[in-house]
N, C-alpha and C. Protein backbone atom coordinates (compact mmCIF):
# COMPACT_ATOMS: atom_id res chain seq x y z
N MET A 1 0.84 -1.21 0.00
CA MET A 1 0.00 0.00 0.00
C MET A 1 0.87 1.25 0.00
N ASN A 2 0.56 2.18 -0.88
CA ASN A 2 1.29 3.43 -0.91
C ASN A 2 1.02 4.25 0.34
N LYS A 3 1.96 5.07 0.72
CA LYS A 3 1.86 5.83 1.97
C LYS A 3 1.14 7.17 1.80
N GLU A 4 0.76 7.53 0.59
CA GLU A 4 0.24 8.88 0.37
C GLU A 4 -1.25 9.00 0.68
N VAL A 5 -1.58 10.05 1.42
CA VAL A 5 -2.96 10.45 1.63
C VAL A 5 -3.21 11.63 0.72
N LEU A 6 -4.16 11.48 -0.21
CA LEU A 6 -4.41 12.50 -1.22
C LEU A 6 -5.60 13.37 -0.83
N TYR A 7 -5.39 14.67 -0.78
CA TYR A 7 -6.44 15.63 -0.46
C TYR A 7 -6.88 16.30 -1.75
N VAL A 8 -8.14 16.13 -2.11
CA VAL A 8 -8.67 16.75 -3.32
C VAL A 8 -9.15 18.16 -2.97
N LEU A 9 -8.51 19.15 -3.57
CA LEU A 9 -8.87 20.55 -3.33
C LEU A 9 -9.39 21.17 -4.62
N LEU A 10 -10.60 21.69 -4.56
CA LEU A 10 -11.17 22.44 -5.67
C LEU A 10 -11.07 23.93 -5.35
N PRO A 11 -11.17 24.80 -6.36
CA PRO A 11 -11.13 26.24 -6.09
C PRO A 11 -12.13 26.64 -5.01
N ASP A 12 -11.69 27.54 -4.12
CA ASP A 12 -12.48 27.99 -2.97
C ASP A 12 -12.78 26.85 -2.01
N TYR A 13 -11.71 26.09 -1.70
CA TYR A 13 -11.85 25.00 -0.74
C TYR A 13 -11.80 25.55 0.68
N ALA A 14 -12.31 24.75 1.62
CA ALA A 14 -12.36 25.14 3.04
C ALA A 14 -11.09 24.62 3.73
N ALA A 15 -10.11 25.48 3.88
CA ALA A 15 -8.79 25.07 4.36
C ALA A 15 -8.83 24.44 5.75
N HIS A 16 -9.72 24.91 6.62
CA HIS A 16 -9.74 24.39 7.99
C HIS A 16 -10.16 22.93 8.06
N GLU A 17 -10.80 22.43 7.02
CA GLU A 17 -11.32 21.08 7.06
C GLU A 17 -10.25 20.01 6.88
N MET A 18 -9.03 20.41 6.57
CA MET A 18 -7.95 19.45 6.41
C MET A 18 -6.88 19.58 7.50
N VAL A 19 -7.02 20.55 8.38
CA VAL A 19 -5.96 20.86 9.33
C VAL A 19 -5.68 19.72 10.31
N TYR A 20 -6.70 19.25 11.03
CA TYR A 20 -6.47 18.25 12.07
C TYR A 20 -5.94 16.94 11.49
N LEU A 21 -6.49 16.52 10.38
CA LEU A 21 -6.04 15.27 9.77
C LEU A 21 -4.60 15.38 9.29
N SER A 22 -4.30 16.42 8.53
CA SER A 22 -2.95 16.55 7.96
C SER A 22 -1.89 16.72 9.04
N GLU A 23 -2.22 17.45 10.10
CA GLU A 23 -1.24 17.65 11.18
C GLU A 23 -0.98 16.36 11.94
N ALA A 24 -2.02 15.58 12.19
CA ALA A 24 -1.83 14.32 12.90
C ALA A 24 -1.00 13.34 12.09
N ILE A 25 -1.13 13.38 10.79
CA ILE A 25 -0.35 12.50 9.93
C ILE A 25 1.12 12.91 9.90
N ALA A 26 1.36 14.22 9.87
CA ALA A 26 2.73 14.71 9.72
C ALA A 26 3.48 14.89 11.03
N SER A 27 2.77 15.01 12.15
CA SER A 27 3.45 15.34 13.40
C SER A 27 2.81 14.63 14.58
N ASP A 28 3.49 14.67 15.72
CA ASP A 28 2.90 14.21 16.96
C ASP A 28 2.90 15.37 17.95
N GLU A 29 2.73 15.08 19.26
CA GLU A 29 2.64 16.18 20.22
C GLU A 29 3.96 16.88 20.47
N PHE A 30 5.05 16.33 19.91
CA PHE A 30 6.36 16.92 20.16
C PHE A 30 6.90 17.70 18.96
N ALA A 31 6.81 17.11 17.77
CA ALA A 31 7.39 17.75 16.59
C ALA A 31 6.98 16.96 15.35
N LEU A 32 7.54 17.39 14.21
CA LEU A 32 7.30 16.65 12.98
C LEU A 32 7.87 15.24 13.11
N LYS A 33 7.15 14.26 12.60
CA LYS A 33 7.60 12.87 12.67
C LYS A 33 8.78 12.65 11.71
N GLU A 34 9.78 11.94 12.19
CA GLU A 34 10.91 11.61 11.32
C GLU A 34 10.49 10.57 10.28
N ASN A 35 9.67 9.62 10.69
CA ASN A 35 9.23 8.56 9.78
C ASN A 35 7.72 8.38 9.87
N PRO A 36 6.97 9.32 9.31
CA PRO A 36 5.51 9.21 9.38
C PRO A 36 5.01 7.99 8.61
N LYS A 37 3.93 7.42 9.08
CA LYS A 37 3.34 6.27 8.40
C LYS A 37 2.79 6.67 7.04
N TYR A 38 2.28 7.90 6.96
CA TYR A 38 1.71 8.40 5.72
C TYR A 38 2.29 9.76 5.37
N VAL A 39 2.11 10.15 4.12
CA VAL A 39 2.58 11.45 3.63
C VAL A 39 1.40 12.18 3.00
N ASN A 40 1.24 13.45 3.33
CA ASN A 40 0.16 14.27 2.77
C ASN A 40 0.51 14.79 1.39
N LYS A 41 -0.42 14.67 0.45
CA LYS A 41 -0.25 15.19 -0.89
C LYS A 41 -1.54 15.86 -1.35
N VAL A 42 -1.42 16.90 -2.15
CA VAL A 42 -2.58 17.66 -2.64
C VAL A 42 -2.84 17.35 -4.11
N VAL A 43 -4.09 17.08 -4.41
CA VAL A 43 -4.55 16.88 -5.79
C VAL A 43 -5.53 17.98 -6.14
N ALA A 44 -5.37 18.57 -7.31
CA ALA A 44 -6.26 19.64 -7.77
C ALA A 44 -6.55 19.43 -9.25
N PRO A 45 -7.48 20.18 -9.81
CA PRO A 45 -7.80 19.99 -11.23
C PRO A 45 -6.60 20.11 -12.15
N THR A 46 -5.72 21.08 -11.87
CA THR A 46 -4.49 21.27 -12.64
C THR A 46 -3.34 21.46 -11.67
N LEU A 47 -2.16 21.67 -12.19
CA LEU A 47 -1.00 21.93 -11.34
C LEU A 47 -0.85 23.40 -10.99
N GLU A 48 -1.80 24.22 -11.41
CA GLU A 48 -1.80 25.63 -11.03
C GLU A 48 -2.21 25.77 -9.57
N PRO A 49 -1.71 26.82 -8.87
CA PRO A 49 -2.10 27.01 -7.46
C PRO A 49 -3.62 27.07 -7.31
N VAL A 50 -4.11 26.45 -6.25
CA VAL A 50 -5.54 26.43 -5.99
C VAL A 50 -5.81 27.27 -4.74
N LYS A 51 -6.82 28.15 -4.81
CA LYS A 51 -7.09 29.14 -3.77
C LYS A 51 -8.17 28.65 -2.82
N SER A 52 -7.94 28.89 -1.53
CA SER A 52 -8.93 28.55 -0.51
C SER A 52 -9.97 29.66 -0.39
N ILE A 53 -11.03 29.40 0.36
CA ILE A 53 -12.03 30.44 0.63
C ILE A 53 -11.38 31.66 1.26
N GLY A 54 -10.40 31.44 2.12
CA GLY A 54 -9.72 32.54 2.81
C GLY A 54 -8.66 33.24 1.99
N GLY A 55 -8.39 32.75 0.78
CA GLY A 55 -7.45 33.43 -0.10
C GLY A 55 -6.05 32.84 -0.11
N PHE A 56 -5.79 31.80 0.68
CA PHE A 56 -4.49 31.14 0.64
C PHE A 56 -4.39 30.28 -0.61
N ARG A 57 -3.18 30.21 -1.16
CA ARG A 57 -2.96 29.42 -2.37
C ARG A 57 -2.00 28.27 -2.09
N VAL A 58 -2.38 27.10 -2.57
CA VAL A 58 -1.57 25.89 -2.40
C VAL A 58 -1.13 25.40 -3.78
N ILE A 59 0.12 25.00 -3.89
CA ILE A 59 0.62 24.42 -5.12
C ILE A 59 0.39 22.91 -5.07
N PRO A 60 -0.41 22.36 -5.95
CA PRO A 60 -0.72 20.93 -5.90
C PRO A 60 0.50 20.06 -6.18
N ASP A 61 0.48 18.87 -5.59
CA ASP A 61 1.50 17.87 -5.91
C ASP A 61 1.13 17.14 -7.19
N TYR A 62 -0.18 16.99 -7.40
CA TYR A 62 -0.68 16.27 -8.57
C TYR A 62 -1.88 17.00 -9.15
N SER A 63 -2.08 16.81 -10.44
CA SER A 63 -3.34 17.21 -11.07
C SER A 63 -4.21 15.96 -11.20
N PHE A 64 -5.45 16.13 -11.64
CA PHE A 64 -6.30 14.97 -11.86
C PHE A 64 -5.68 14.02 -12.88
N ASP A 65 -4.89 14.58 -13.80
CA ASP A 65 -4.28 13.76 -14.86
C ASP A 65 -2.99 13.08 -14.43
N THR A 66 -2.35 13.60 -13.38
CA THR A 66 -1.04 13.04 -13.00
C THR A 66 -1.05 12.32 -11.66
N MET A 67 -2.20 12.27 -10.98
CA MET A 67 -2.26 11.63 -9.66
C MET A 67 -1.98 10.13 -9.79
N PRO A 68 -1.39 9.55 -8.76
CA PRO A 68 -1.07 8.12 -8.81
C PRO A 68 -2.32 7.25 -8.65
N GLU A 69 -2.22 6.01 -9.08
CA GLU A 69 -3.32 5.07 -8.89
C GLU A 69 -3.22 4.36 -7.56
N ASP A 70 -2.03 4.31 -7.00
CA ASP A 70 -1.82 3.63 -5.72
C ASP A 70 -1.62 4.67 -4.63
N TYR A 71 -2.49 4.67 -3.65
CA TYR A 71 -2.42 5.60 -2.53
C TYR A 71 -3.21 5.02 -1.37
N ALA A 72 -3.05 5.62 -0.20
CA ALA A 72 -3.68 5.07 1.00
C ALA A 72 -5.12 5.55 1.18
N ALA A 73 -5.36 6.83 0.90
CA ALA A 73 -6.69 7.39 1.13
C ALA A 73 -6.93 8.57 0.21
N LEU A 74 -8.20 8.77 -0.12
CA LEU A 74 -8.64 9.91 -0.93
C LEU A 74 -9.55 10.75 -0.06
N VAL A 75 -9.20 12.01 0.17
CA VAL A 75 -9.95 12.87 1.10
C VAL A 75 -10.48 14.08 0.33
N LEU A 76 -11.79 14.18 0.24
CA LEU A 76 -12.42 15.30 -0.46
C LEU A 76 -12.71 16.41 0.54
N ILE A 77 -12.02 17.53 0.38
CA ILE A 77 -12.18 18.67 1.27
C ILE A 77 -13.29 19.58 0.75
N GLY A 78 -14.16 20.01 1.64
CA GLY A 78 -15.32 20.80 1.24
C GLY A 78 -14.97 22.20 0.75
N GLY A 79 -16.00 22.94 0.43
CA GLY A 79 -15.83 24.29 -0.10
C GLY A 79 -16.84 24.55 -1.20
N PHE A 80 -16.69 25.69 -1.85
CA PHE A 80 -17.68 26.10 -2.85
C PHE A 80 -17.45 25.48 -4.22
N GLY A 81 -16.27 24.90 -4.43
CA GLY A 81 -15.96 24.32 -5.74
C GLY A 81 -16.81 23.12 -6.11
N TRP A 82 -17.43 22.49 -5.09
CA TRP A 82 -18.24 21.31 -5.38
C TRP A 82 -19.55 21.64 -6.07
N THR A 83 -19.88 22.92 -6.17
CA THR A 83 -21.08 23.34 -6.89
C THR A 83 -20.77 23.70 -8.34
N THR A 84 -19.52 23.58 -8.76
CA THR A 84 -19.10 24.00 -10.10
C THR A 84 -18.86 22.79 -11.00
N PRO A 85 -18.82 23.02 -12.32
CA PRO A 85 -18.64 21.91 -13.27
C PRO A 85 -17.35 21.11 -13.06
N VAL A 86 -16.30 21.74 -12.54
CA VAL A 86 -15.04 21.02 -12.38
C VAL A 86 -15.18 19.84 -11.43
N ALA A 87 -16.15 19.91 -10.52
CA ALA A 87 -16.36 18.82 -9.56
C ALA A 87 -16.71 17.51 -10.25
N GLU A 88 -17.34 17.60 -11.42
CA GLU A 88 -17.75 16.38 -12.12
C GLU A 88 -16.55 15.52 -12.49
N LYS A 89 -15.39 16.13 -12.62
CA LYS A 89 -14.19 15.37 -12.96
C LYS A 89 -13.70 14.51 -11.80
N VAL A 90 -14.23 14.77 -10.61
CA VAL A 90 -13.82 13.99 -9.43
C VAL A 90 -14.58 12.68 -9.34
N ALA A 91 -15.77 12.63 -9.93
CA ALA A 91 -16.62 11.45 -9.81
C ALA A 91 -15.92 10.16 -10.23
N PRO A 92 -15.28 10.10 -11.40
CA PRO A 92 -14.62 8.84 -11.77
C PRO A 92 -13.44 8.50 -10.87
N ILE A 93 -12.80 9.50 -10.29
CA ILE A 93 -11.69 9.27 -9.36
C ILE A 93 -12.21 8.59 -8.10
N VAL A 94 -13.34 9.09 -7.59
CA VAL A 94 -13.94 8.50 -6.38
C VAL A 94 -14.46 7.10 -6.68
N SER A 95 -15.09 6.93 -7.82
CA SER A 95 -15.63 5.63 -8.19
C SER A 95 -14.53 4.58 -8.23
N LYS A 96 -13.41 4.93 -8.83
CA LYS A 96 -12.28 4.00 -8.91
C LYS A 96 -11.71 3.71 -7.52
N ALA A 97 -11.66 4.72 -6.67
CA ALA A 97 -11.14 4.54 -5.31
C ALA A 97 -12.02 3.58 -4.51
N ILE A 98 -13.33 3.75 -4.61
CA ILE A 98 -14.25 2.88 -3.88
C ILE A 98 -14.16 1.44 -4.40
N GLU A 99 -14.08 1.29 -5.70
CA GLU A 99 -13.98 -0.04 -6.29
C GLU A 99 -12.69 -0.74 -5.84
N ALA A 100 -11.63 0.05 -5.63
CA ALA A 100 -10.35 -0.51 -5.22
C ALA A 100 -10.27 -0.73 -3.71
N GLY A 101 -11.31 -0.34 -2.98
CA GLY A 101 -11.31 -0.53 -1.54
C GLY A 101 -10.47 0.49 -0.79
N LYS A 102 -10.23 1.64 -1.40
CA LYS A 102 -9.47 2.69 -0.73
C LYS A 102 -10.30 3.34 0.38
N VAL A 103 -9.63 3.91 1.35
CA VAL A 103 -10.30 4.76 2.32
C VAL A 103 -10.69 6.06 1.61
N VAL A 104 -11.94 6.46 1.74
CA VAL A 104 -12.43 7.68 1.11
C VAL A 104 -13.10 8.54 2.17
N GLY A 105 -12.74 9.82 2.23
CA GLY A 105 -13.35 10.75 3.16
C GLY A 105 -13.97 11.91 2.41
N ALA A 106 -15.11 12.40 2.91
CA ALA A 106 -15.76 13.56 2.29
C ALA A 106 -16.44 14.38 3.37
N ILE A 107 -16.17 15.66 3.40
CA ILE A 107 -16.69 16.53 4.43
C ILE A 107 -17.44 17.71 3.82
N CYS A 108 -18.50 18.13 4.49
CA CYS A 108 -19.27 19.31 4.12
C CYS A 108 -19.84 19.15 2.70
N ASN A 109 -19.62 20.11 1.82
CA ASN A 109 -20.18 20.04 0.47
C ASN A 109 -19.66 18.85 -0.32
N ALA A 110 -18.49 18.34 0.06
CA ALA A 110 -17.97 17.16 -0.62
C ALA A 110 -18.82 15.94 -0.31
N ALA A 111 -19.38 15.88 0.91
CA ALA A 111 -20.30 14.79 1.25
C ALA A 111 -21.59 14.90 0.43
N SER A 112 -22.05 16.12 0.21
CA SER A 112 -23.23 16.33 -0.63
C SER A 112 -22.94 15.91 -2.07
N PHE A 113 -21.73 16.17 -2.52
CA PHE A 113 -21.32 15.72 -3.85
C PHE A 113 -21.35 14.20 -3.94
N MET A 114 -20.92 13.53 -2.86
CA MET A 114 -20.96 12.07 -2.84
C MET A 114 -22.39 11.57 -2.99
N ALA A 115 -23.33 12.26 -2.35
CA ALA A 115 -24.74 11.90 -2.50
C ALA A 115 -25.20 12.10 -3.93
N LYS A 116 -24.78 13.19 -4.52
CA LYS A 116 -25.15 13.51 -5.91
C LYS A 116 -24.70 12.44 -6.88
N CYS A 117 -23.58 11.81 -6.56
CA CYS A 117 -23.02 10.78 -7.45
C CYS A 117 -23.49 9.37 -7.10
N GLY A 118 -24.31 9.25 -6.05
CA GLY A 118 -24.81 7.95 -5.66
C GLY A 118 -23.85 7.12 -4.84
N PHE A 119 -22.77 7.73 -4.36
CA PHE A 119 -21.76 6.98 -3.63
C PHE A 119 -22.15 6.65 -2.19
N LEU A 120 -23.24 7.24 -1.71
CA LEU A 120 -23.65 7.02 -0.32
C LEU A 120 -24.84 6.05 -0.21
N ASN A 121 -25.22 5.46 -1.31
CA ASN A 121 -26.44 4.65 -1.32
C ASN A 121 -26.30 3.27 -0.67
N HIS A 122 -25.09 2.91 -0.28
CA HIS A 122 -24.91 1.59 0.33
C HIS A 122 -24.11 1.66 1.62
N VAL A 123 -24.00 2.86 2.20
CA VAL A 123 -23.26 3.02 3.46
C VAL A 123 -24.03 3.96 4.38
N ARG A 124 -23.83 3.78 5.68
CA ARG A 124 -24.32 4.77 6.63
C ARG A 124 -23.48 6.03 6.43
N HIS A 125 -24.09 7.19 6.59
CA HIS A 125 -23.39 8.42 6.24
C HIS A 125 -24.02 9.62 6.95
N THR A 126 -23.32 10.75 6.84
CA THR A 126 -23.86 12.01 7.32
C THR A 126 -23.43 13.11 6.36
N GLY A 127 -23.69 14.36 6.74
CA GLY A 127 -23.35 15.50 5.90
C GLY A 127 -23.99 16.74 6.47
N ASN A 128 -24.20 17.72 5.63
CA ASN A 128 -24.80 18.98 6.08
C ASN A 128 -26.33 18.89 6.12
N GLY A 129 -26.82 17.84 6.75
CA GLY A 129 -28.26 17.66 6.90
C GLY A 129 -28.86 16.83 5.79
N LEU A 130 -29.88 16.06 6.13
CA LEU A 130 -30.53 15.19 5.16
C LEU A 130 -31.15 15.98 4.02
N GLU A 131 -31.70 17.14 4.32
CA GLU A 131 -32.36 17.93 3.27
C GLU A 131 -31.37 18.38 2.21
N GLN A 132 -30.14 18.76 2.65
CA GLN A 132 -29.15 19.16 1.64
C GLN A 132 -28.71 17.96 0.80
N LEU A 133 -28.57 16.80 1.43
CA LEU A 133 -28.20 15.61 0.66
C LEU A 133 -29.27 15.28 -0.37
N LYS A 134 -30.54 15.42 0.02
CA LYS A 134 -31.64 15.17 -0.92
C LYS A 134 -31.63 16.19 -2.05
N LEU A 135 -31.38 17.46 -1.70
CA LEU A 135 -31.37 18.52 -2.69
C LEU A 135 -30.27 18.30 -3.72
N TRP A 136 -29.07 18.01 -3.23
CA TRP A 136 -27.94 17.78 -4.13
C TRP A 136 -28.10 16.45 -4.87
N GLY A 137 -28.56 15.44 -4.15
CA GLY A 137 -28.56 14.11 -4.71
C GLY A 137 -29.62 13.86 -5.76
N GLY A 138 -30.78 14.51 -5.60
CA GLY A 138 -31.85 14.27 -6.56
C GLY A 138 -32.19 12.80 -6.65
N ASP A 139 -32.39 12.32 -7.86
CA ASP A 139 -32.76 10.93 -8.07
C ASP A 139 -31.60 9.97 -7.82
N HIS A 140 -30.39 10.49 -7.73
CA HIS A 140 -29.21 9.64 -7.55
C HIS A 140 -28.98 9.27 -6.08
N TYR A 141 -29.65 9.96 -5.18
CA TYR A 141 -29.50 9.70 -3.75
C TYR A 141 -30.78 9.07 -3.23
N THR A 142 -30.68 7.81 -2.81
CA THR A 142 -31.88 7.06 -2.42
C THR A 142 -31.82 6.47 -1.02
N HIS A 143 -30.66 6.51 -0.40
CA HIS A 143 -30.47 5.81 0.87
C HIS A 143 -30.74 6.74 2.06
N PHE A 144 -31.96 7.26 2.14
CA PHE A 144 -32.31 8.21 3.20
C PHE A 144 -32.17 7.58 4.58
N GLU A 145 -32.53 6.30 4.68
CA GLU A 145 -32.47 5.62 5.97
C GLU A 145 -31.04 5.42 6.45
N GLY A 146 -30.07 5.58 5.55
CA GLY A 146 -28.66 5.44 5.92
C GLY A 146 -28.08 6.71 6.52
N TYR A 147 -28.85 7.80 6.46
CA TYR A 147 -28.37 9.06 7.01
C TYR A 147 -28.40 9.03 8.53
N VAL A 148 -27.31 9.48 9.15
CA VAL A 148 -27.20 9.55 10.61
C VAL A 148 -26.97 11.01 10.99
N HIS A 149 -27.82 11.55 11.84
CA HIS A 149 -27.70 12.96 12.22
C HIS A 149 -26.65 13.09 13.33
N THR A 150 -25.40 13.06 12.91
CA THR A 150 -24.27 13.16 13.84
C THR A 150 -23.11 13.84 13.13
N SER A 151 -22.03 14.06 13.84
CA SER A 151 -20.90 14.83 13.30
C SER A 151 -20.17 14.13 12.17
N ALA A 152 -19.83 12.86 12.39
CA ALA A 152 -19.07 12.11 11.40
C ALA A 152 -19.46 10.64 11.48
N VAL A 153 -19.44 9.98 10.36
CA VAL A 153 -19.80 8.56 10.27
C VAL A 153 -18.76 7.82 9.43
N SER A 154 -18.37 6.66 9.92
CA SER A 154 -17.45 5.78 9.18
C SER A 154 -18.16 4.47 8.89
N ASP A 155 -18.23 4.09 7.63
CA ASP A 155 -18.87 2.83 7.27
C ASP A 155 -18.28 2.31 5.97
N ASN A 156 -17.83 1.06 5.99
CA ASN A 156 -17.31 0.39 4.80
C ASN A 156 -16.21 1.23 4.12
N ARG A 157 -15.33 1.78 4.94
CA ARG A 157 -14.14 2.54 4.50
C ARG A 157 -14.47 3.89 3.87
N ILE A 158 -15.71 4.36 4.09
CA ILE A 158 -16.10 5.70 3.65
C ILE A 158 -16.45 6.53 4.88
N VAL A 159 -15.81 7.69 5.01
CA VAL A 159 -16.06 8.59 6.14
C VAL A 159 -16.72 9.86 5.61
N THR A 160 -17.83 10.24 6.21
CA THR A 160 -18.50 11.50 5.87
C THR A 160 -18.65 12.35 7.12
N ALA A 161 -18.73 13.65 6.93
CA ALA A 161 -18.87 14.57 8.07
C ALA A 161 -19.53 15.84 7.62
N ASN A 162 -20.15 16.54 8.59
CA ASN A 162 -20.69 17.86 8.27
C ASN A 162 -19.59 18.90 8.38
N GLY A 163 -19.88 20.09 7.93
CA GLY A 163 -18.85 21.12 7.83
C GLY A 163 -18.32 21.65 9.14
N SER A 164 -18.99 21.34 10.25
CA SER A 164 -18.50 21.80 11.55
C SER A 164 -17.73 20.71 12.28
N ALA A 165 -17.54 19.57 11.63
CA ALA A 165 -16.98 18.39 12.31
C ALA A 165 -15.58 18.04 11.82
N THR A 166 -14.76 19.04 11.64
CA THR A 166 -13.41 18.80 11.14
C THR A 166 -12.63 17.83 12.02
N LEU A 167 -12.73 17.99 13.31
CA LEU A 167 -11.98 17.14 14.24
C LEU A 167 -12.52 15.71 14.25
N GLU A 168 -13.84 15.56 14.26
CA GLU A 168 -14.43 14.23 14.22
C GLU A 168 -14.11 13.52 12.91
N PHE A 169 -14.11 14.27 11.83
CA PHE A 169 -13.74 13.75 10.51
C PHE A 169 -12.32 13.20 10.56
N ALA A 170 -11.40 13.98 11.14
CA ALA A 170 -10.02 13.54 11.26
C ALA A 170 -9.90 12.28 12.09
N LYS A 171 -10.61 12.25 13.21
CA LYS A 171 -10.53 11.10 14.11
C LYS A 171 -10.94 9.82 13.40
N GLU A 172 -12.05 9.84 12.69
CA GLU A 172 -12.53 8.63 12.02
C GLU A 172 -11.55 8.17 10.94
N LEU A 173 -10.96 9.10 10.22
CA LEU A 173 -10.00 8.74 9.18
C LEU A 173 -8.70 8.22 9.78
N LEU A 174 -8.25 8.84 10.87
CA LEU A 174 -7.03 8.37 11.54
C LEU A 174 -7.20 6.95 12.06
N LEU A 175 -8.38 6.64 12.57
CA LEU A 175 -8.65 5.29 13.05
C LEU A 175 -8.66 4.29 11.90
N LEU A 176 -9.31 4.64 10.80
CA LEU A 176 -9.36 3.74 9.65
C LEU A 176 -7.96 3.48 9.10
N LEU A 177 -7.14 4.51 9.07
CA LEU A 177 -5.79 4.40 8.53
C LEU A 177 -4.81 3.77 9.53
N GLU A 178 -5.27 3.59 10.78
CA GLU A 178 -4.40 3.10 11.85
C GLU A 178 -3.12 3.94 11.90
N ASN A 179 -3.33 5.25 11.85
CA ASN A 179 -2.21 6.19 11.87
C ASN A 179 -1.43 6.12 13.18
N ASP A 180 -2.11 5.74 14.24
CA ASP A 180 -1.51 5.59 15.57
C ASP A 180 -2.38 4.61 16.35
N THR A 181 -2.04 4.39 17.60
CA THR A 181 -2.89 3.53 18.41
C THR A 181 -4.23 4.23 18.66
N PRO A 182 -5.30 3.47 18.87
CA PRO A 182 -6.59 4.10 19.19
C PRO A 182 -6.50 5.03 20.39
N GLU A 183 -5.67 4.67 21.37
CA GLU A 183 -5.52 5.49 22.57
C GLU A 183 -4.89 6.84 22.24
N HIS A 184 -3.86 6.83 21.42
CA HIS A 184 -3.21 8.09 21.04
C HIS A 184 -4.11 8.96 20.17
N ILE A 185 -4.86 8.31 19.29
CA ILE A 185 -5.81 9.06 18.46
C ILE A 185 -6.89 9.70 19.34
N GLU A 186 -7.35 8.98 20.33
CA GLU A 186 -8.36 9.53 21.24
C GLU A 186 -7.78 10.69 22.05
N MET A 187 -6.52 10.56 22.48
CA MET A 187 -5.86 11.66 23.20
C MET A 187 -5.77 12.90 22.33
N TYR A 188 -5.41 12.73 21.07
CA TYR A 188 -5.31 13.84 20.12
C TYR A 188 -6.69 14.50 19.96
N TYR A 189 -7.71 13.67 19.83
CA TYR A 189 -9.07 14.19 19.69
C TYR A 189 -9.50 14.98 20.91
N GLN A 190 -9.30 14.40 22.10
CA GLN A 190 -9.74 15.05 23.33
C GLN A 190 -8.98 16.35 23.58
N PHE A 191 -7.68 16.38 23.31
CA PHE A 191 -6.90 17.59 23.52
C PHE A 191 -7.43 18.74 22.68
N ASN A 192 -7.71 18.45 21.41
CA ASN A 192 -8.19 19.50 20.51
C ASN A 192 -9.66 19.82 20.72
N LYS A 193 -10.42 18.87 21.24
CA LYS A 193 -11.85 19.09 21.47
C LYS A 193 -12.09 19.86 22.76
N ARG A 194 -11.41 19.45 23.81
CA ARG A 194 -11.67 20.01 25.13
C ARG A 194 -10.74 21.16 25.48
N GLY A 195 -9.53 21.15 24.94
CA GLY A 195 -8.61 22.26 25.20
C GLY A 195 -7.65 21.99 26.34
N PHE A 196 -6.57 22.72 26.35
CA PHE A 196 -5.49 22.55 27.32
C PHE A 196 -5.99 22.78 28.75
N CYS A 197 -6.72 23.84 28.96
CA CYS A 197 -7.13 24.21 30.33
C CYS A 197 -8.08 23.18 30.92
N ASP A 198 -8.91 22.59 30.10
CA ASP A 198 -9.85 21.59 30.60
C ASP A 198 -9.14 20.29 30.95
N LEU A 199 -8.19 19.90 30.12
CA LEU A 199 -7.48 18.64 30.33
C LEU A 199 -6.40 18.73 31.39
N PHE A 200 -5.85 19.93 31.56
CA PHE A 200 -4.75 20.10 32.50
C PHE A 200 -5.03 21.24 33.48
N PRO A 201 -6.03 21.09 34.33
CA PRO A 201 -6.40 22.16 35.27
C PRO A 201 -5.30 22.47 36.28
N GLN A 202 -4.35 21.54 36.44
CA GLN A 202 -3.27 21.77 37.39
C GLN A 202 -2.37 22.93 36.98
N TYR A 203 -2.45 23.34 35.70
CA TYR A 203 -1.60 24.44 35.23
C TYR A 203 -2.33 25.79 35.31
N LYS A 204 -3.51 25.78 35.88
CA LYS A 204 -4.27 27.03 36.00
C LYS A 204 -3.50 28.02 36.87
N GLN A 205 -3.44 29.24 36.41
CA GLN A 205 -2.70 30.26 37.14
C GLN A 205 -3.42 30.59 38.45
N ILE A 206 -2.67 30.62 39.51
CA ILE A 206 -3.22 30.93 40.84
C ILE A 206 -2.99 32.41 41.16
């Protein structure tokens, strides 16, 4: 299995939705890992810089035409680009990934895109509400009973999350990838969810 985790970024992507996952893969609580289990790579429509909603620009490692066939996971980062025609080029990439048994993640509007393409019809899933999935999915989205009104859902190697669940999204993907022990992944989740002061009250200033 290749070590690369591929993040699909479309124009006007939501940069915060990849932070917790990418940082946990590249570093631990002390520093950057010398020998990480996985390596983060960015895939975009072309090799031209792709801009986030906040205006930051990232230089892709791969375009849709040059991305490798062997990789560990495909992660679709949300944003406004999923409402544009360029998103349609992602559908065959996701289809091939699912057929190959790859780990696939989709958050926020990317989860709605998964519904639109029929990729959620055989797995439990979540997203930005059932009504949005129905709206985006139209006739291609039929698995209403598979929708779970929660932050993130992992089922059959597909992880979905709503746009406010960046940390939960990361946790489910880290567990699927066995990026670390379940205990360490839970510690990472709790630290970022609850905060330093809550977890370590002994350091409170007197």
